[in-house]
Amino acid sequence: MASVIVENLKYRYPLAQELALKGISFKVKEGEFIGLIGANAAGKSTLCQALTGLVPRFYRGAYAGRVIVGGWEAASSDRSEMALKVGMVFQNPFTQLSGVKLTVYEEAAFGLENLGLPRSEMIRRIDWALKLLGLYRYKDRNPLTLSGGQMQRLAIAGTLALKPEVLVLDEPTSQLDPAGAEEIFQAVHELHREGVTVIMAEHKVEKLARYAERILLLDRGELIDFATPSQIFSRNDLESYGVAAPVYTRICRTLGAVDPESGLVPVTFEQACRALEYHYE
């Protein structure tokens, strides 16, 4: 069953001459982990915002096509209702955290306070989200004392407490060190295992190769390819779209080693080890 359906999506920002998205169409199955890749200005952030309805409702501009999330059309559905279907996590947690809550627990409750849920249900959801993201032990801490990775996990927890069917992340590790980035990927991986549909724009291709089930490649607003990580990162023309293949892929391509099972160039460490062992037997 499709969780997300995008049909011939076109969008142009106000006063812009060029389309930011040029007739994009694809479907995401329920529970999939999808990675979005492309150079700067490829359209990744615009697509993320279109999935939540921020494009075109907040940014305005010229819009055509349809985006269906959980059976609801993103561009025309009520924003509060869409928040229950799709949640978004931005690059910088400071743009998402309220800044007015004194504890991690209160911050995680911020979005729920507008839903009118019973107190017991709010507590159940907050406890679940904080434990899942590994933040429950910090529940009495001031959010501003957390590390960058912890703040980003708190932003995810607050979004997750709303119980959206789809979680959209727009380069959530771009401002984090390697340890913080790994924290986020591990957290998102756990959410995916819980059955949440994940769509994640990210430049760290080694991570996406490891965790994503399919990769969507964008270039200047056009959908170039939508396939498995092995198929996408094995493309010989990948660099022409401003994307470098994972380091394991580049090493194996140089050595002429391919995965013995798929015949494709390896994209993960495990695949590279298997390919090199087979290559040098």
Protein backbone atom coordinates (compact mmCIF):
# COMPACT_ATOMS: atom_id res chain seq x y z
CA MET A 1 0.00 0.00 0.00
CA ALA A 2 1.34 3.45 -0.94
CA SER A 3 1.86 5.80 1.99
CA VAL A 4 2.96 8.72 -0.19
CA ILE A 5 1.88 9.43 -3.78
CA VAL A 6 3.41 12.30 -5.74
CA GLU A 7 1.90 12.96 -9.17
CA ASN A 8 3.42 15.36 -11.73
CA LEU A 9 4.48 17.80 -8.99
CA LYS A 10 5.59 21.20 -10.28
CA TYR A 11 6.46 24.22 -8.19
CA ARG A 12 7.97 27.67 -8.66
CA TYR A 13 8.84 30.00 -5.78
CA PRO A 14 7.40 33.55 -5.87
CA LEU A 15 9.42 35.87 -8.16
CA ALA A 16 11.56 32.94 -9.38
CA GLN A 17 11.99 32.32 -13.11
CA GLU A 18 12.76 28.60 -12.97
CA LEU A 19 10.70 25.75 -11.58
CA ALA A 20 12.10 24.30 -8.35
CA LEU A 21 10.31 21.01 -9.05
CA LYS A 22 9.67 19.86 -12.61
CA GLY A 23 6.93 17.28 -12.95
CA ILE A 24 8.03 14.82 -10.28
CA SER A 25 6.11 11.57 -9.79
CA PHE A 26 6.81 8.64 -7.44
CA LYS A 27 5.23 6.43 -4.78
CA VAL A 28 6.50 5.38 -1.35
CA LYS A 29 5.22 2.19 0.22
CA GLU A 30 4.03 2.16 3.81
CA GLY A 31 6.95 1.60 6.20
CA GLU A 32 9.71 2.32 3.66
CA PHE A 33 12.91 4.25 4.41
CA ILE A 34 13.58 6.54 1.44
CA GLY A 35 16.70 8.68 0.99
CA LEU A 36 16.73 11.92 -1.03
CA ILE A 37 20.03 12.92 -2.63
CA GLY A 38 21.22 15.58 -5.03
CA ALA A 39 23.45 18.63 -5.24
CA ASN A 40 22.53 21.94 -3.64
CA ALA A 41 19.45 23.44 -5.35
CA ALA A 42 18.44 20.00 -6.61
CA GLY A 43 15.01 20.44 -5.00
CA LYS A 44 15.38 18.22 -1.93
CA SER A 45 14.18 20.77 0.65
CA THR A 46 11.38 21.96 -1.62
CA LEU A 47 10.17 18.39 -2.05
CA CYS A 48 10.31 17.81 1.72
CA GLN A 49 8.22 20.93 2.27
CA ALA A 50 5.73 19.88 -0.40
CA LEU A 51 5.22 16.57 1.41
CA THR A 52 4.09 18.47 4.51
CA GLY A 53 2.06 21.13 2.68
CA LEU A 54 4.41 24.02 3.53
CA VAL A 55 4.79 24.24 -0.24
CA PRO A 56 2.65 25.92 -1.44
CA ARG A 57 0.59 27.05 1.56
CA PHE A 58 3.35 28.85 3.46
CA TYR A 59 5.73 29.81 0.66
CA ARG A 60 2.96 30.47 -1.92
CA GLY A 61 4.19 30.47 -5.51
CA ALA A 62 2.95 28.50 -8.54
CA TYR A 63 1.96 24.91 -7.82
CA ALA A 64 0.61 22.04 -9.91
CA GLY A 65 0.19 18.32 -9.46
CA ARG A 66 -0.76 16.36 -6.36
CA VAL A 67 0.89 15.14 -3.16
CA ILE A 68 -1.11 12.53 -1.26
CA VAL A 69 0.05 11.48 2.22
CA GLY A 70 -1.96 8.86 4.06
CA GLY A 71 -4.87 9.46 1.71
CA TRP A 72 -4.94 13.24 2.28
CA GLU A 73 -3.85 15.90 -0.20
CA ALA A 74 -1.05 17.91 1.40
CA ALA A 75 -1.73 21.20 -0.39
CA SER A 76 -5.39 21.46 0.55
CA SER A 77 -5.84 19.60 3.85
CA ASP A 78 -5.99 21.46 7.16
CA ARG A 79 -2.49 22.01 8.60
CA SER A 80 -3.40 20.65 12.03
CA GLU A 81 -4.86 17.53 10.43
CA MET A 82 -1.80 17.08 8.22
CA ALA A 83 0.42 17.21 11.33
CA LEU A 84 -1.14 13.89 12.32
CA LYS A 85 -0.27 12.40 8.92
CA VAL A 86 3.22 13.77 8.30
CA GLY A 87 5.83 15.26 10.61
CA MET A 88 8.90 17.21 9.53
CA VAL A 89 12.32 17.63 11.14
CA PHE A 90 14.45 20.51 9.88
CA GLN A 91 18.22 20.94 9.54
CA ASN A 92 18.64 23.07 12.66
CA PRO A 93 16.88 21.94 15.87
CA PHE A 94 16.84 25.56 17.09
CA THR A 95 14.25 26.33 14.40
CA GLN A 96 12.03 23.54 15.73
CA LEU A 97 12.38 23.62 19.52
CA SER A 98 10.14 26.17 21.21
CA GLY A 99 12.86 27.77 23.35
CA VAL A 100 10.33 28.48 26.11
CA LYS A 101 10.11 25.10 27.83
CA LEU A 102 12.30 24.47 30.88
CA THR A 103 12.64 20.69 30.59
CA VAL A 104 13.08 18.08 27.88
CA TYR A 105 9.80 16.50 28.96
CA GLU A 106 7.86 19.75 28.56
CA GLU A 107 9.46 20.39 25.17
CA ALA A 108 8.43 16.95 23.91
CA ALA A 109 4.86 17.77 25.00
CA PHE A 110 4.75 21.11 23.15
CA GLY A 111 3.04 19.87 20.00
CA LEU A 112 0.61 17.64 21.88
CA GLU A 113 -0.69 20.52 23.99
CA ASN A 114 -2.71 21.79 21.04
CA LEU A 115 -4.46 18.48 20.34
CA GLY A 116 -6.65 18.39 23.43
CA LEU A 117 -5.64 14.82 24.30
CA PRO A 118 -6.31 13.36 27.75
CA ARG A 119 -3.38 13.85 30.12
CA SER A 120 -2.82 10.10 30.42
CA GLU A 121 -2.51 9.75 26.63
CA MET A 122 -0.07 12.66 26.43
CA ILE A 123 2.12 11.10 29.13
CA ARG A 124 2.04 7.73 27.39
CA ARG A 125 3.11 9.24 24.07
CA ILE A 126 5.86 11.43 25.54
CA ASP A 127 7.31 8.58 27.59
CA TRP A 128 7.30 6.36 24.49
CA ALA A 129 8.96 8.95 22.24
CA LEU A 130 11.65 9.93 24.74
CA LYS A 131 12.51 6.31 25.53
CA LEU A 132 12.63 5.38 21.85
CA LEU A 133 15.01 8.29 21.13
CA GLY A 134 17.15 7.56 24.20
CA LEU A 135 16.26 10.83 25.95
CA TYR A 136 14.12 9.71 28.87
CA ARG A 137 17.00 9.95 31.34
CA TYR A 138 17.37 13.62 30.38
CA LYS A 139 13.66 14.41 30.83
CA ASP A 140 14.30 16.93 33.63
CA ARG A 141 17.20 18.68 31.86
CA ASN A 142 16.90 22.08 30.22
CA PRO A 143 16.75 21.48 26.44
CA LEU A 144 19.39 24.16 25.84
CA THR A 145 21.96 22.15 27.82
CA LEU A 146 21.77 19.18 25.45
CA SER A 147 24.35 18.39 22.78
CA GLY A 148 23.55 19.05 19.12
CA GLY A 149 22.71 15.42 18.48
CA GLN A 150 20.51 15.25 21.57
CA MET A 151 18.66 18.43 20.54
CA GLN A 152 17.97 16.97 17.12
CA ARG A 153 16.70 13.75 18.72
CA LEU A 154 14.44 15.88 20.93
CA ALA A 155 13.07 17.62 17.83
CA ILE A 156 12.33 14.17 16.38
CA ALA A 157 10.73 13.03 19.66
CA GLY A 158 8.41 16.04 19.76
CA THR A 159 7.36 15.36 16.18
CA LEU A 160 7.01 11.63 16.80
CA ALA A 161 4.76 12.18 19.82
CA LEU A 162 2.12 13.44 17.38
CA LYS A 163 2.14 9.89 15.92
CA PRO A 164 2.51 10.88 12.24
CA GLU A 165 2.35 8.12 9.64
CA VAL A 166 5.26 9.64 7.70
CA LEU A 167 8.40 11.30 9.07
CA VAL A 168 10.21 13.72 6.72
CA LEU A 169 13.74 14.83 7.64
CA ASP A 170 15.50 17.61 5.75
CA GLU A 171 19.25 17.07 6.19
CA PRO A 172 18.94 16.60 9.97
CA THR A 173 22.66 15.82 10.45
CA SER A 174 24.10 18.70 8.41
CA GLN A 175 25.21 20.64 11.50
CA LEU A 176 26.32 17.67 13.60
CA ASP A 177 29.68 16.01 14.16
CA PRO A 178 30.10 12.31 13.16
CA ALA A 179 29.01 11.07 16.60
CA GLY A 180 25.88 13.24 16.56
CA ALA A 181 25.08 12.18 13.00
CA GLU A 182 25.33 8.51 13.95
CA GLU A 183 22.96 9.16 16.88
CA ILE A 184 20.36 10.52 14.48
CA PHE A 185 20.70 7.70 11.98
CA GLN A 186 20.41 5.09 14.73
CA ALA A 187 17.31 6.85 16.06
CA VAL A 188 15.70 7.08 12.62
CA HIS A 189 16.58 3.43 12.00
CA GLU A 190 14.72 2.48 15.19
CA LEU A 191 11.69 4.50 14.04
CA HIS A 192 11.77 2.69 10.73
CA ARG A 193 11.85 -0.64 12.54
CA GLU A 194 8.75 0.53 14.45
CA GLY A 195 6.93 0.84 11.11
CA VAL A 196 7.21 4.58 10.52
CA THR A 197 7.58 5.62 6.88
CA VAL A 198 10.79 7.70 6.65
CA ILE A 199 11.80 10.13 3.90
CA MET A 200 15.20 11.66 4.59
CA ALA A 201 17.18 14.21 2.57
CA GLU A 202 20.86 13.74 3.38
CA HIS A 203 24.36 14.35 2.02
CA LYS A 204 25.99 11.54 4.04
CA VAL A 205 25.69 8.91 1.34
CA GLU A 206 27.52 6.19 3.30
CA LYS A 207 24.76 6.37 5.91
CA LEU A 208 21.95 6.31 3.36
CA ALA A 209 23.57 3.37 1.57
CA ARG A 210 23.47 1.49 4.85
CA TYR A 211 20.00 2.39 6.11
CA ALA A 212 17.73 3.40 3.21
CA GLU A 213 15.73 0.89 1.18
CA ARG A 214 15.44 3.11 -1.88
CA ILE A 215 17.11 6.34 -2.98
CA LEU A 216 15.53 9.18 -4.94
CA LEU A 217 18.06 11.15 -7.01
CA LEU A 218 17.14 14.75 -7.87
CA ASP A 219 18.89 17.22 -10.15
CA ARG A 220 17.74 20.81 -10.68
CA GLY A 221 14.16 19.92 -9.85
CA GLU A 222 13.98 16.76 -11.94
CA LEU A 223 13.67 13.18 -10.72
CA ILE A 224 16.63 11.36 -12.31
CA ASP A 225 16.26 7.93 -10.73
CA PHE A 226 14.45 6.12 -7.93
CA ALA A 227 15.94 2.72 -7.08
CA THR A 228 17.87 0.73 -4.48
CA PRO A 229 21.06 2.19 -2.96
CA SER A 230 23.15 -0.34 -4.92
CA GLN A 231 21.55 0.69 -8.21
CA ILE A 232 21.76 4.42 -7.53
CA PHE A 233 25.31 4.57 -6.18
CA SER A 234 26.59 2.22 -8.90
CA ARG A 235 25.61 4.71 -11.60
CA ASN A 236 28.61 5.75 -13.67
CA ASP A 237 27.16 9.25 -14.14
CA LEU A 238 26.44 9.93 -10.45
CA GLU A 239 29.09 12.63 -10.08
CA SER A 240 27.61 14.57 -13.00
CA TYR A 241 24.65 15.22 -10.71
CA GLY A 242 26.86 16.60 -7.95
CA VAL A 243 26.78 13.46 -5.80
CA ALA A 244 29.84 11.44 -4.81
CA ALA A 245 29.40 7.68 -4.42
CA PRO A 246 30.18 6.12 -1.02
CA VAL A 247 33.89 5.66 -0.37
CA TYR A 248 33.51 1.86 -0.48
CA THR A 249 31.97 2.15 -3.94
CA ARG A 250 34.79 4.32 -5.23
CA ILE A 251 37.46 1.96 -3.87
CA CYS A 252 35.83 -1.15 -5.34
CA ARG A 253 35.21 0.53 -8.69
CA THR A 254 38.89 1.45 -8.89
CA LEU A 255 39.89 -2.14 -8.10
CA GLY A 256 37.29 -3.65 -10.41
CA ALA A 257 35.53 -5.52 -7.59
CA VAL A 258 31.79 -6.15 -7.78
CA ASP A 259 29.30 -7.75 -5.42
CA PRO A 260 29.21 -11.47 -6.32
CA GLU A 261 25.48 -11.66 -5.67
CA SER A 262 24.17 -8.58 -7.50
CA GLY A 263 26.98 -7.89 -9.96
CA LEU A 264 26.84 -4.24 -8.87
CA VAL A 265 29.59 -2.16 -7.34
CA PRO A 266 29.37 -2.41 -3.49
CA VAL A 267 27.90 0.53 -1.59
CA THR A 268 28.37 -0.57 2.03
CA PHE A 269 31.33 -1.78 4.08
CA GLU A 270 29.91 -5.29 4.33
CA GLN A 271 29.33 -5.52 0.58
CA ALA A 272 32.83 -4.20 -0.10
CA CYS A 273 34.43 -6.83 2.15
CA ARG A 274 32.50 -9.59 0.38
CA ALA A 275 33.34 -8.23 -3.07
CA LEU A 276 37.05 -7.81 -2.34
CA GLU A 277 37.29 -11.29 -0.84
CA TYR A 278 35.63 -12.74 -3.94
CA HIS A 279 37.74 -10.57 -6.27
CA TYR A 280 41.06 -11.69 -4.80
CA GLU A 281 40.27 -15.40 -4.33
